[in-house]
Amino acid sequence: MASIDNPGAAAAFLVLLFSSLTLVAQPSAGALVEDRPLVLKYHNGTVLKGPITVNLVWYGKFTPAQRSIILDFIQSLGSIHAPSPSVGSWWKTTAKYDGGVSGSTAISVGKQIIDENCSLGKSLRDYQIRYLASKAGPGVRVGSVNVVLTGKDVYVNGFCMSRCGTHGSTAGKDRVAYAWVGNSETQCPGQCAWPFHQPIYGPQTPPLVPPNGDVAVDGMIINLATVLAGAVTNPFNNGYFQGPATAPTEAVSACTGMFGSGSYPGYPGQLLVDKTTGASYNAYGVNGRKFMLPAMWDPQVSACLTLV
């Protein structure tokens, strides 16, 4: 199982970045360690190609507005109509994986399950996340990822302590790629919703204004982008990654804390700013949405690329 809890993991990067303030920019930034570029090795396994269906399990309470933000983000991944820089152009980088041969990046929302009353309780372990994921689409689904999203009052093993989300695959012959992301609003926004909330550690610079007006959900978008890219490029722990398979550095987690050009630990980089709301973002989506997306490693140039 790959999770956002390793040294290169994007969603839980604050604990790593701000507890190590004497460090310079990460090697993945390519600014200070140009003689040793990061290379994610291909392990000759499955890499998902489009069209990809994202099935959702809403576990716990989410408002209609929150669900709308997340659904618009997923639909934006496969859209070609949004202005540049777009969520769709960010997602197209995943098509360069598998030997750098371009493939389809089409992605859409499939089945949705709403479990607002938390049928398994409000304290979950990993095996229960896998169980919930399996309910969203049983059987061999090479072109699908089942995503479990947990509400702000749902506690997941390791959430906030060491991770903001994870991805992996269900067991058995009919395994399915899945991902999980939690809502950190009441538990740890300083860890899992940065840069839209002041960090737990390090310089207490003012947080950025979230593009969709929801600190926790805009933070979830960053984490969801991270695990979805990992689930597509390394769905069964034999795709693209660096390091041990149990704690891999992957497509987005290789680019820790990078959102705009000039980023460094604790500084997200130069971003676009909405003149009316003051919100920071770096990508346009469907329905007039704006989003903040982390940098992704491009296998054709062996570098982390930001949209702005």
C-alpha atoms as a PDB file:
ATOM      1  CA  MET A   1       0.000   0.000   0.000  1.00  0.00           C
ATOM      2  CA  ALA A   2       1.264   3.432  -0.898  1.00  0.00           C
ATOM      3  CA  SER A   3       0.380   6.239   1.444  1.00  0.00           C
ATOM      4  CA  ILE A   4       0.925   9.943   1.894  1.00  0.00           C
ATOM      5  CA  ASP A   5       3.054   9.277   4.911  1.00  0.00           C
ATOM      6  CA  ASN A   6       6.593   8.709   3.591  1.00  0.00           C
ATOM      7  CA  PRO A   7       9.475  11.184   3.221  1.00  0.00           C
ATOM      8  CA  GLY A   8       8.383  12.141  -0.272  1.00  0.00           C
ATOM      9  CA  ALA A   9       4.666  12.225   0.465  1.00  0.00           C
ATOM     10  CA  ALA A  10       2.919  15.370  -0.670  1.00  0.00           C
ATOM     11  CA  ALA A  11      -0.177  15.458   1.483  1.00  0.00           C
ATOM     12  CA  ALA A  12       1.564  14.969   4.810  1.00  0.00           C
ATOM     13  CA  PHE A  13       4.568  17.011   3.853  1.00  0.00           C
ATOM     14  CA  LEU A  14       4.243  19.615   6.596  1.00  0.00           C
ATOM     15  CA  VAL A  15       5.443  17.360   9.364  1.00  0.00           C
ATOM     16  CA  LEU A  16       8.485  16.549   7.286  1.00  0.00           C
ATOM     17  CA  LEU A  17       9.197  20.020   5.964  1.00  0.00           C
ATOM     18  CA  PHE A  18       8.739  22.083   9.082  1.00  0.00           C
ATOM     19  CA  SER A  19      10.462  19.684  11.451  1.00  0.00           C
ATOM     20  CA  SER A  20      13.564  19.954   9.232  1.00  0.00           C
ATOM     21  CA  LEU A  21      13.899  23.668   8.691  1.00  0.00           C
ATOM     22  CA  THR A  22      17.660  23.516   8.197  1.00  0.00           C
ATOM     23  CA  LEU A  23      17.196  21.569   4.982  1.00  0.00           C
ATOM     24  CA  VAL A  24      17.385  23.237   1.603  1.00  0.00           C
ATOM     25  CA  ALA A  25      14.900  22.522  -1.170  1.00  0.00           C
ATOM     26  CA  GLN A  26      14.112  18.881  -1.789  1.00  0.00           C
ATOM     27  CA  PRO A  27      16.144  17.182  -4.556  1.00  0.00           C
ATOM     28  CA  SER A  28      12.934  16.773  -6.533  1.00  0.00           C
ATOM     29  CA  ALA A  29      12.798  20.538  -6.996  1.00  0.00           C
ATOM     30  CA  GLY A  30      15.869  20.264  -9.209  1.00  0.00           C
ATOM     31  CA  ALA A  31      17.203  23.626  -8.039  1.00  0.00           C
ATOM     32  CA  LEU A  32      20.150  22.685  -5.860  1.00  0.00           C
ATOM     33  CA  VAL A  33      20.846  19.066  -6.776  1.00  0.00           C
ATOM     34  CA  GLU A  34      20.832  19.206 -10.551  1.00  0.00           C
ATOM     35  CA  ASP A  35      23.609  16.616 -10.839  1.00  0.00           C
ATOM     36  CA  ARG A  36      21.347  13.962  -9.257  1.00  0.00           C
ATOM     37  CA  PRO A  37      17.922  14.273 -10.900  1.00  0.00           C
ATOM     38  CA  LEU A  38      15.080  12.298  -9.424  1.00  0.00           C
ATOM     39  CA  VAL A  39      14.090   9.289 -11.506  1.00  0.00           C
ATOM     40  CA  LEU A  40      11.054   7.189 -10.707  1.00  0.00           C
ATOM     41  CA  LYS A  41      11.852   3.663 -11.831  1.00  0.00           C
ATOM     42  CA  TYR A  42       9.317   1.674 -13.816  1.00  0.00           C
ATOM     43  CA  HIS A  43       8.892  -1.771 -12.261  1.00  0.00           C
ATOM     44  CA  ASN A  44       7.198  -3.307 -15.318  1.00  0.00           C
ATOM     45  CA  GLY A  45       3.787  -3.551 -13.706  1.00  0.00           C
ATOM     46  CA  THR A  46       0.332  -2.195 -14.434  1.00  0.00           C
ATOM     47  CA  VAL A  47      -0.166   1.489 -15.169  1.00  0.00           C
ATOM     48  CA  LEU A  48      -3.814   2.493 -15.561  1.00  0.00           C
ATOM     49  CA  LYS A  49      -4.822   4.093 -18.848  1.00  0.00           C
ATOM     50  CA  GLY A  50      -7.989   5.911 -19.706  1.00  0.00           C
ATOM     51  CA  PRO A  51     -10.847   5.936 -19.859  1.00  0.00           C
ATOM     52  CA  ILE A  52     -10.772   5.742 -16.066  1.00  0.00           C
ATOM     53  CA  THR A  53     -13.852   5.686 -13.855  1.00  0.00           C
ATOM     54  CA  VAL A  54     -13.653   7.092 -10.333  1.00  0.00           C
ATOM     55  CA  ASN A  55     -16.203   5.486  -8.008  1.00  0.00           C
ATOM     56  CA  LEU A  56     -16.858   7.312  -4.745  1.00  0.00           C
ATOM     57  CA  VAL A  57     -17.793   6.336  -1.206  1.00  0.00           C
ATOM     58  CA  TRP A  58     -18.843   9.342   0.882  1.00  0.00           C
ATOM     59  CA  TYR A  59     -18.340   8.104   4.441  1.00  0.00           C
ATOM     60  CA  GLY A  60     -19.629  10.548   7.032  1.00  0.00           C
ATOM     61  CA  LYS A  61     -21.231  13.934   6.545  1.00  0.00           C
ATOM     62  CA  PHE A  62     -20.421  16.171   3.615  1.00  0.00           C
ATOM     63  CA  THR A  63     -22.490  19.176   2.659  1.00  0.00           C
ATOM     64  CA  PRO A  64     -23.873  19.429  -0.879  1.00  0.00           C
ATOM     65  CA  ALA A  65     -21.410  22.280  -1.504  1.00  0.00           C
ATOM     66  CA  GLN A  66     -18.467  20.120  -0.415  1.00  0.00           C
ATOM     67  CA  ARG A  67     -19.539  17.231  -2.625  1.00  0.00           C
ATOM     68  CA  SER A  68     -19.926  19.651  -5.520  1.00  0.00           C
ATOM     69  CA  ILE A  69     -16.338  20.928  -5.144  1.00  0.00           C
ATOM     70  CA  ILE A  70     -14.906  17.414  -5.169  1.00  0.00           C
ATOM     71  CA  LEU A  71     -17.101  16.185  -8.029  1.00  0.00           C
ATOM     72  CA  ASP A  72     -16.184  19.218 -10.126  1.00  0.00           C
ATOM     73  CA  PHE A  73     -12.503  18.500  -9.481  1.00  0.00           C
ATOM     74  CA  ILE A  74     -12.763  14.889 -10.657  1.00  0.00           C
ATOM     75  CA  GLN A  75     -14.721  15.933 -13.734  1.00  0.00           C
ATOM     76  CA  SER A  76     -12.114  18.620 -14.409  1.00  0.00           C
ATOM     77  CA  LEU A  77      -9.406  15.958 -14.672  1.00  0.00           C
ATOM     78  CA  GLY A  78     -10.866  14.728 -17.952  1.00  0.00           C
ATOM     79  CA  SER A  79     -12.049  18.077 -19.297  1.00  0.00           C
ATOM     80  CA  ILE A  80     -10.474  19.780 -22.295  1.00  0.00           C
ATOM     81  CA  HIS A  81     -12.650  22.880 -22.126  1.00  0.00           C
ATOM     82  CA  ALA A  82     -11.254  24.715 -19.097  1.00  0.00           C
ATOM     83  CA  PRO A  83      -8.914  27.695 -19.659  1.00  0.00           C
ATOM     84  CA  SER A  84      -5.164  27.239 -19.313  1.00  0.00           C
ATOM     85  CA  PRO A  85      -3.563  26.325 -16.974  1.00  0.00           C
ATOM     86  CA  SER A  86      -6.160  23.630 -16.478  1.00  0.00           C
ATOM     87  CA  VAL A  87      -6.718  20.640 -14.235  1.00  0.00           C
ATOM     88  CA  GLY A  88      -6.948  18.563 -17.406  1.00  0.00           C
ATOM     89  CA  SER A  89      -3.489  19.619 -18.587  1.00  0.00           C
ATOM     90  CA  TRP A  90      -2.092  18.666 -15.170  1.00  0.00           C
ATOM     91  CA  TRP A  91      -3.699  15.220 -15.423  1.00  0.00           C
ATOM     92  CA  LYS A  92      -2.355  14.651 -18.943  1.00  0.00           C
ATOM     93  CA  THR A  93       1.089  14.138 -17.431  1.00  0.00           C
ATOM     94  CA  THR A  94      -0.093  10.714 -16.209  1.00  0.00           C
ATOM     95  CA  ALA A  95      -0.419   9.634 -19.857  1.00  0.00           C
ATOM     96  CA  LYS A  96       3.352   9.994 -20.236  1.00  0.00           C
ATOM     97  CA  TYR A  97       3.965   7.098 -17.858  1.00  0.00           C
ATOM     98  CA  ASP A  98       4.508   3.507 -19.000  1.00  0.00           C
ATOM     99  CA  GLY A  99       7.626   4.085 -21.031  1.00  0.00           C
ATOM    100  CA  GLY A 100       6.651   7.640 -21.916  1.00  0.00           C
ATOM    101  CA  VAL A 101       4.037   6.438 -24.425  1.00  0.00           C
ATOM    102  CA  SER A 102       1.075   8.790 -24.433  1.00  0.00           C
ATOM    103  CA  GLY A 103      -2.333   7.290 -23.741  1.00  0.00           C
ATOM    104  CA  SER A 104      -5.875   8.380 -23.011  1.00  0.00           C
ATOM    105  CA  THR A 105      -6.407  10.573 -19.953  1.00  0.00           C
ATOM    106  CA  ALA A 106     -10.212  10.445 -20.052  1.00  0.00           C
ATOM    107  CA  ILE A 107     -11.635  10.231 -16.539  1.00  0.00           C
ATOM    108  CA  SER A 108     -15.185  10.389 -15.221  1.00  0.00           C
ATOM    109  CA  VAL A 109     -17.261   9.924 -12.076  1.00  0.00           C
ATOM    110  CA  GLY A 110     -18.970   6.555 -11.830  1.00  0.00           C
ATOM    111  CA  LYS A 111     -20.885   4.985  -8.965  1.00  0.00           C
ATOM    112  CA  GLN A 112     -21.435   6.948  -5.756  1.00  0.00           C
ATOM    113  CA  ILE A 113     -22.294   5.510  -2.349  1.00  0.00           C
ATOM    114  CA  ILE A 114     -23.368   7.823   0.467  1.00  0.00           C
ATOM    115  CA  ASP A 115     -22.825   6.353   3.939  1.00  0.00           C
ATOM    116  CA  GLU A 116     -23.640   9.416   6.019  1.00  0.00           C
ATOM    117  CA  ASN A 117     -24.514   7.423   9.143  1.00  0.00           C
ATOM    118  CA  CYS A 118     -21.118   5.649   9.193  1.00  0.00           C
ATOM    119  CA  SER A 119     -22.173   2.003   9.036  1.00  0.00           C
ATOM    120  CA  LEU A 120     -18.786   0.815  10.328  1.00  0.00           C
ATOM    121  CA  GLY A 121     -18.526   3.417  13.073  1.00  0.00           C
ATOM    122  CA  LYS A 122     -16.476   6.596  13.232  1.00  0.00           C
ATOM    123  CA  SER A 123     -13.112   4.995  13.912  1.00  0.00           C
ATOM    124  CA  LEU A 124     -11.723   3.065  10.949  1.00  0.00           C
ATOM    125  CA  ARG A 125      -8.673   0.922  10.298  1.00  0.00           C
ATOM    126  CA  ASP A 126      -7.043   0.175   6.968  1.00  0.00           C
ATOM    127  CA  TYR A 127      -8.882  -3.086   6.368  1.00  0.00           C
ATOM    128  CA  GLN A 128     -12.186  -1.251   6.779  1.00  0.00           C
ATOM    129  CA  ILE A 129     -11.123   1.360   4.230  1.00  0.00           C
ATOM    130  CA  ARG A 130     -10.384  -1.478   1.793  1.00  0.00           C
ATOM    131  CA  TYR A 131     -13.763  -3.025   2.562  1.00  0.00           C
ATOM    132  CA  LEU A 132     -15.560   0.236   1.842  1.00  0.00           C
ATOM    133  CA  ALA A 133     -13.582   0.661  -1.358  1.00  0.00           C
ATOM    134  CA  SER A 134     -14.548  -2.818  -2.539  1.00  0.00           C
ATOM    135  CA  LYS A 135     -18.225  -1.901  -2.192  1.00  0.00           C
ATOM    136  CA  ALA A 136     -17.867   0.846  -4.783  1.00  0.00           C
ATOM    137  CA  GLY A 137     -17.001  -1.525  -7.617  1.00  0.00           C
ATOM    138  CA  PRO A 138     -16.266  -5.240  -7.138  1.00  0.00           C
ATOM    139  CA  GLY A 139     -14.469  -7.302  -9.742  1.00  0.00           C
ATOM    140  CA  VAL A 140     -11.485  -6.646 -11.968  1.00  0.00           C
ATOM    141  CA  ARG A 141     -11.693  -3.011 -13.042  1.00  0.00           C
ATOM    142  CA  VAL A 142      -8.422  -2.143 -14.728  1.00  0.00           C
ATOM    143  CA  GLY A 143      -9.822   1.223 -15.683  1.00  0.00           C
ATOM    144  CA  SER A 144     -11.247   2.313 -12.349  1.00  0.00           C
ATOM    145  CA  VAL A 145     -10.190   3.692  -8.986  1.00  0.00           C
ATOM    146  CA  ASN A 146     -12.516   3.437  -5.978  1.00  0.00           C
ATOM    147  CA  VAL A 147     -12.162   6.434  -3.689  1.00  0.00           C
ATOM    148  CA  VAL A 148     -13.238   6.576  -0.040  1.00  0.00           C
ATOM    149  CA  LEU A 149     -13.697  10.069   1.397  1.00  0.00           C
ATOM    150  CA  THR A 150     -14.160  10.339   5.170  1.00  0.00           C
ATOM    151  CA  GLY A 151     -15.928  13.183   6.958  1.00  0.00           C
ATOM    152  CA  LYS A 152     -14.460  15.608   9.475  1.00  0.00           C
ATOM    153  CA  ASP A 153     -15.635  13.584  12.497  1.00  0.00           C
ATOM    154  CA  VAL A 154     -14.378  10.220  11.218  1.00  0.00           C
ATOM    155  CA  TYR A 155     -11.102   8.961  12.655  1.00  0.00           C
ATOM    156  CA  VAL A 156      -8.906   6.769  10.473  1.00  0.00           C
ATOM    157  CA  ASN A 157      -5.864   4.890  11.717  1.00  0.00           C
ATOM    158  CA  GLY A 158      -2.821   7.119  11.175  1.00  0.00           C
ATOM    159  CA  PHE A 159      -4.834  10.096   9.933  1.00  0.00           C
ATOM    160  CA  CYS A 160      -3.194  13.380  11.006  1.00  0.00           C
ATOM    161  CA  MET A 161      -0.555  11.478  12.977  1.00  0.00           C
ATOM    162  CA  SER A 162       1.334  10.364   9.888  1.00  0.00           C
ATOM    163  CA  ARG A 163      -0.830  10.704   6.797  1.00  0.00           C
ATOM    164  CA  CYS A 164      -3.629  12.619   5.090  1.00  0.00           C
ATOM    165  CA  GLY A 165      -4.578   9.929   2.601  1.00  0.00           C
ATOM    166  CA  THR A 166      -3.404   6.739   0.977  1.00  0.00           C
ATOM    167  CA  HIS A 167      -3.854   4.474  -2.010  1.00  0.00           C
ATOM    168  CA  GLY A 168      -3.461   0.773  -2.605  1.00  0.00           C
ATOM    169  CA  SER A 169      -5.412  -2.185  -3.926  1.00  0.00           C
ATOM    170  CA  THR A 170      -7.872  -4.685  -2.545  1.00  0.00           C
ATOM    171  CA  ALA A 171      -6.683  -8.272  -2.058  1.00  0.00           C
ATOM    172  CA  GLY A 172      -7.527 -11.376  -4.052  1.00  0.00           C
ATOM    173  CA  LYS A 173      -7.956 -12.194  -7.708  1.00  0.00           C
ATOM    174  CA  ASP A 174     -10.428  -9.400  -8.354  1.00  0.00           C
ATOM    175  CA  ARG A 175      -8.299  -6.662  -6.898  1.00  0.00           C
ATOM    176  CA  VAL A 176      -9.291  -3.050  -7.388  1.00  0.00           C
ATOM    177  CA  ALA A 177      -7.168   0.074  -7.130  1.00  0.00           C
ATOM    178  CA  TYR A 178      -8.458   2.376  -4.418  1.00  0.00           C
ATOM    179  CA  ALA A 179      -7.647   5.598  -2.616  1.00  0.00           C
ATOM    180  CA  TRP A 180      -8.687   7.262   0.615  1.00  0.00           C
ATOM    181  CA  VAL A 181      -8.572  10.901   1.748  1.00  0.00           C
ATOM    182  CA  GLY A 182      -9.843  12.371   5.013  1.00  0.00           C
ATOM    183  CA  ASN A 183     -11.382  15.737   5.852  1.00  0.00           C
ATOM    184  CA  SER A 184      -9.002  17.423   8.304  1.00  0.00           C
ATOM    185  CA  GLU A 185     -11.250  20.355   9.315  1.00  0.00           C
ATOM    186  CA  THR A 186     -11.542  19.494  13.015  1.00  0.00           C
ATOM    187  CA  GLN A 187      -8.560  17.176  13.365  1.00  0.00           C
ATOM    188  CA  CYS A 188      -5.459  18.621  11.718  1.00  0.00           C
ATOM    189  CA  PRO A 189      -5.929  21.381   9.129  1.00  0.00           C
ATOM    190  CA  GLY A 190      -2.435  22.620   9.942  1.00  0.00           C
ATOM    191  CA  GLN A 191      -1.042  19.365   8.616  1.00  0.00           C
ATOM    192  CA  CYS A 192      -3.431  18.254   5.888  1.00  0.00           C
ATOM    193  CA  ALA A 193      -4.852  21.551   4.615  1.00  0.00           C
ATOM    194  CA  TRP A 194      -1.654  23.597   4.223  1.00  0.00           C
ATOM    195  CA  PRO A 195      -1.144  26.071   2.573  1.00  0.00           C
ATOM    196  CA  PHE A 196      -4.742  27.095   3.334  1.00  0.00           C
ATOM    197  CA  HIS A 197      -4.156  26.840   7.081  1.00  0.00           C
ATOM    198  CA  GLN A 198      -1.204  27.851   9.218  1.00  0.00           C
ATOM    199  CA  PRO A 199       1.204  24.932   9.584  1.00  0.00           C
ATOM    200  CA  ILE A 200       1.676  22.965  12.770  1.00  0.00           C
ATOM    201  CA  TYR A 201       5.432  23.480  12.560  1.00  0.00           C
ATOM    202  CA  GLY A 202       7.743  26.087  11.125  1.00  0.00           C
ATOM    203  CA  PRO A 203       7.277  29.749  10.219  1.00  0.00           C
ATOM    204  CA  GLN A 204       3.725  30.882  10.914  1.00  0.00           C
ATOM    205  CA  THR A 205       3.197  32.758   7.691  1.00  0.00           C
ATOM    206  CA  PRO A 206      -0.370  33.769   6.833  1.00  0.00           C
ATOM    207  CA  PRO A 207      -2.322  30.978   5.174  1.00  0.00           C
ATOM    208  CA  LEU A 208      -3.526  31.360   1.606  1.00  0.00           C
ATOM    209  CA  VAL A 209      -7.183  31.952   0.825  1.00  0.00           C
ATOM    210  CA  PRO A 210      -8.679  28.696  -0.544  1.00  0.00           C
ATOM    211  CA  PRO A 211     -10.041  28.920  -4.092  1.00  0.00           C
ATOM    212  CA  ASN A 212     -13.391  27.319  -3.237  1.00  0.00           C
ATOM    213  CA  GLY A 213     -13.868  28.905   0.166  1.00  0.00           C
ATOM    214  CA  ASP A 214     -13.429  25.705   2.171  1.00  0.00           C
ATOM    215  CA  VAL A 215     -10.054  25.267   3.854  1.00  0.00           C
ATOM    216  CA  ALA A 216     -10.456  21.550   4.552  1.00  0.00           C
ATOM    217  CA  VAL A 217     -12.024  20.541   1.240  1.00  0.00           C
ATOM    218  CA  ASP A 218      -9.563  22.582  -0.818  1.00  0.00           C
ATOM    219  CA  GLY A 219      -6.899  20.758   1.191  1.00  0.00           C
ATOM    220  CA  MET A 220      -8.616  17.456   0.367  1.00  0.00           C
ATOM    221  CA  ILE A 221      -8.321  18.322  -3.330  1.00  0.00           C
ATOM    222  CA  ILE A 222      -4.531  18.531  -2.999  1.00  0.00           C
ATOM    223  CA  ASN A 223      -4.440  15.173  -1.224  1.00  0.00           C
ATOM    224  CA  LEU A 224      -6.918  13.584  -3.633  1.00  0.00           C
ATOM    225  CA  ALA A 225      -4.836  14.738  -6.589  1.00  0.00           C
ATOM    226  CA  THR A 226      -1.790  13.140  -4.959  1.00  0.00           C
ATOM    227  CA  VAL A 227      -3.346   9.725  -4.331  1.00  0.00           C
ATOM    228  CA  LEU A 228      -5.184   9.587  -7.668  1.00  0.00           C
ATOM    229  CA  ALA A 229      -1.952  10.201  -9.573  1.00  0.00           C
ATOM    230  CA  GLY A 230      -0.278   7.507  -7.467  1.00  0.00           C
ATOM    231  CA  ALA A 231      -3.155   5.089  -7.974  1.00  0.00           C
ATOM    232  CA  VAL A 232      -2.931   5.488 -11.755  1.00  0.00           C
ATOM    233  CA  THR A 233       0.864   5.355 -12.155  1.00  0.00           C
ATOM    234  CA  ASN A 234       1.494   2.770  -9.421  1.00  0.00           C
ATOM    235  CA  PRO A 235      -1.817   0.995  -8.720  1.00  0.00           C
ATOM    236  CA  PHE A 236      -0.475  -2.381  -7.589  1.00  0.00           C
ATOM    237  CA  ASN A 237       2.968  -1.495  -6.195  1.00  0.00           C
ATOM    238  CA  ASN A 238       4.747  -2.491  -9.403  1.00  0.00           C
ATOM    239  CA  GLY A 239       4.394   0.659 -11.500  1.00  0.00           C
ATOM    240  CA  TYR A 240       6.430   3.849 -11.220  1.00  0.00           C
ATOM    241  CA  PHE A 241       8.090   4.687  -7.924  1.00  0.00           C
ATOM    242  CA  GLN A 242      11.389   5.172  -6.157  1.00  0.00           C
ATOM    243  CA  GLY A 243      12.415   3.548  -2.902  1.00  0.00           C
ATOM    244  CA  PRO A 244      10.771   0.575  -1.167  1.00  0.00           C
ATOM    245  CA  ALA A 245       7.380  -0.584  -2.437  1.00  0.00           C
ATOM    246  CA  THR A 246       5.990  -0.307   1.089  1.00  0.00           C
ATOM    247  CA  ALA A 247       6.837   3.410   1.271  1.00  0.00           C
ATOM    248  CA  PRO A 248       7.294   4.595  -2.310  1.00  0.00           C
ATOM    249  CA  THR A 249       8.007   8.026  -3.687  1.00  0.00           C
ATOM    250  CA  GLU A 250       5.542   8.459  -6.524  1.00  0.00           C
ATOM    251  CA  ALA A 251       4.342  10.790  -9.283  1.00  0.00           C
ATOM    252  CA  VAL A 252       3.199  13.620  -7.014  1.00  0.00           C
ATOM    253  CA  SER A 253       4.733  12.708  -3.675  1.00  0.00           C
ATOM    254  CA  ALA A 254       8.087  13.089  -5.439  1.00  0.00           C
ATOM    255  CA  CYS A 255       7.341  16.808  -5.666  1.00  0.00           C
ATOM    256  CA  THR A 256       6.763  17.584  -2.000  1.00  0.00           C
ATOM    257  CA  GLY A 257       5.331  21.026  -1.251  1.00  0.00           C
ATOM    258  CA  MET A 258       5.656  22.380  -4.801  1.00  0.00           C
ATOM    259  CA  PHE A 259       2.696  24.297  -6.235  1.00  0.00           C
ATOM    260  CA  GLY A 260       4.181  27.168  -8.203  1.00  0.00           C
ATOM    261  CA  SER A 261       7.530  28.248  -9.597  1.00  0.00           C
ATOM    262  CA  GLY A 262      10.173  29.189  -7.057  1.00  0.00           C
ATOM    263  CA  SER A 263       8.728  26.975  -4.324  1.00  0.00           C
ATOM    264  CA  TYR A 264      10.833  25.772  -1.421  1.00  0.00           C
ATOM    265  CA  PRO A 265      10.061  24.130   1.954  1.00  0.00           C
ATOM    266  CA  GLY A 266       7.401  26.230   3.632  1.00  0.00           C
ATOM    267  CA  TYR A 267       6.746  28.397   0.559  1.00  0.00           C
ATOM    268  CA  PRO A 268       4.290  27.027  -2.057  1.00  0.00           C
ATOM    269  CA  GLY A 269       5.702  29.134  -4.890  1.00  0.00           C
ATOM    270  CA  GLN A 270       4.317  31.835  -7.163  1.00  0.00           C
ATOM    271  CA  LEU A 271       0.608  31.335  -7.766  1.00  0.00           C
ATOM    272  CA  LEU A 272      -2.364  32.914  -9.479  1.00  0.00           C
ATOM    273  CA  VAL A 273      -4.563  35.112  -7.273  1.00  0.00           C
ATOM    274  CA  ASP A 274      -8.243  35.871  -7.792  1.00  0.00           C
ATOM    275  CA  LYS A 275      -8.598  39.670  -7.880  1.00  0.00           C
ATOM    276  CA  THR A 276     -12.030  39.573  -6.262  1.00  0.00           C
ATOM    277  CA  THR A 277     -11.645  36.998  -3.487  1.00  0.00           C
ATOM    278  CA  GLY A 278      -7.881  37.020  -2.967  1.00  0.00           C
ATOM    279  CA  ALA A 279      -7.861  33.231  -3.306  1.00  0.00           C
ATOM    280  CA  SER A 280      -4.723  31.469  -4.527  1.00  0.00           C
ATOM    281  CA  TYR A 281      -4.861  28.784  -7.198  1.00  0.00           C
ATOM    282  CA  ASN A 282      -2.906  27.351 -10.109  1.00  0.00           C
ATOM    283  CA  ALA A 283      -5.496  25.534 -12.238  1.00  0.00           C
ATOM    284  CA  TYR A 284      -8.876  26.136 -13.818  1.00  0.00           C
ATOM    285  CA  GLY A 285     -11.575  23.472 -13.779  1.00  0.00           C
ATOM    286  CA  VAL A 286     -15.126  22.931 -14.985  1.00  0.00           C
ATOM    287  CA  ASN A 287     -18.076  25.089 -13.939  1.00  0.00           C
ATOM    288  CA  GLY A 288     -15.829  28.085 -13.326  1.00  0.00           C
ATOM    289  CA  ARG A 289     -13.919  26.345 -10.549  1.00  0.00           C
ATOM    290  CA  LYS A 290     -10.360  27.106  -9.547  1.00  0.00           C
ATOM    291  CA  PHE A 291      -8.101  24.620  -7.786  1.00  0.00           C
ATOM    292  CA  MET A 292      -4.658  24.294  -6.216  1.00  0.00           C
ATOM    293  CA  LEU A 293      -2.738  21.291  -7.528  1.00  0.00           C
ATOM    294  CA  PRO A 294       0.683  19.971  -6.498  1.00  0.00           C
ATOM    295  CA  ALA A 295       3.512  19.585  -8.987  1.00  0.00           C
ATOM    296  CA  MET A 296       3.827  16.247 -10.785  1.00  0.00           C
ATOM    297  CA  TRP A 297       6.959  14.432 -11.911  1.00  0.00           C
ATOM    298  CA  ASP A 298       7.172  14.294 -15.704  1.00  0.00           C
ATOM    299  CA  PRO A 299       8.891  11.065 -16.872  1.00  0.00           C
ATOM    300  CA  GLN A 300       9.851  12.559 -20.210  1.00  0.00           C
ATOM    301  CA  VAL A 301      12.031  15.258 -18.656  1.00  0.00           C
ATOM    302  CA  SER A 302      12.687  13.618 -15.246  1.00  0.00           C
ATOM    303  CA  ALA A 303      11.615  16.723 -13.363  1.00  0.00           C
ATOM    304  CA  CYS A 304       8.788  18.026 -11.202  1.00  0.00           C
ATOM    305  CA  LEU A 305       6.655  20.425 -13.213  1.00  0.00           C
ATOM    306  CA  THR A 306       4.251  23.033 -11.853  1.00  0.00           C
ATOM    307  CA  LEU A 307       1.390  24.579 -13.817  1.00  0.00           C
ATOM    308  CA  VAL A 308       2.482  28.162 -13.082  1.00  0.00           C
END
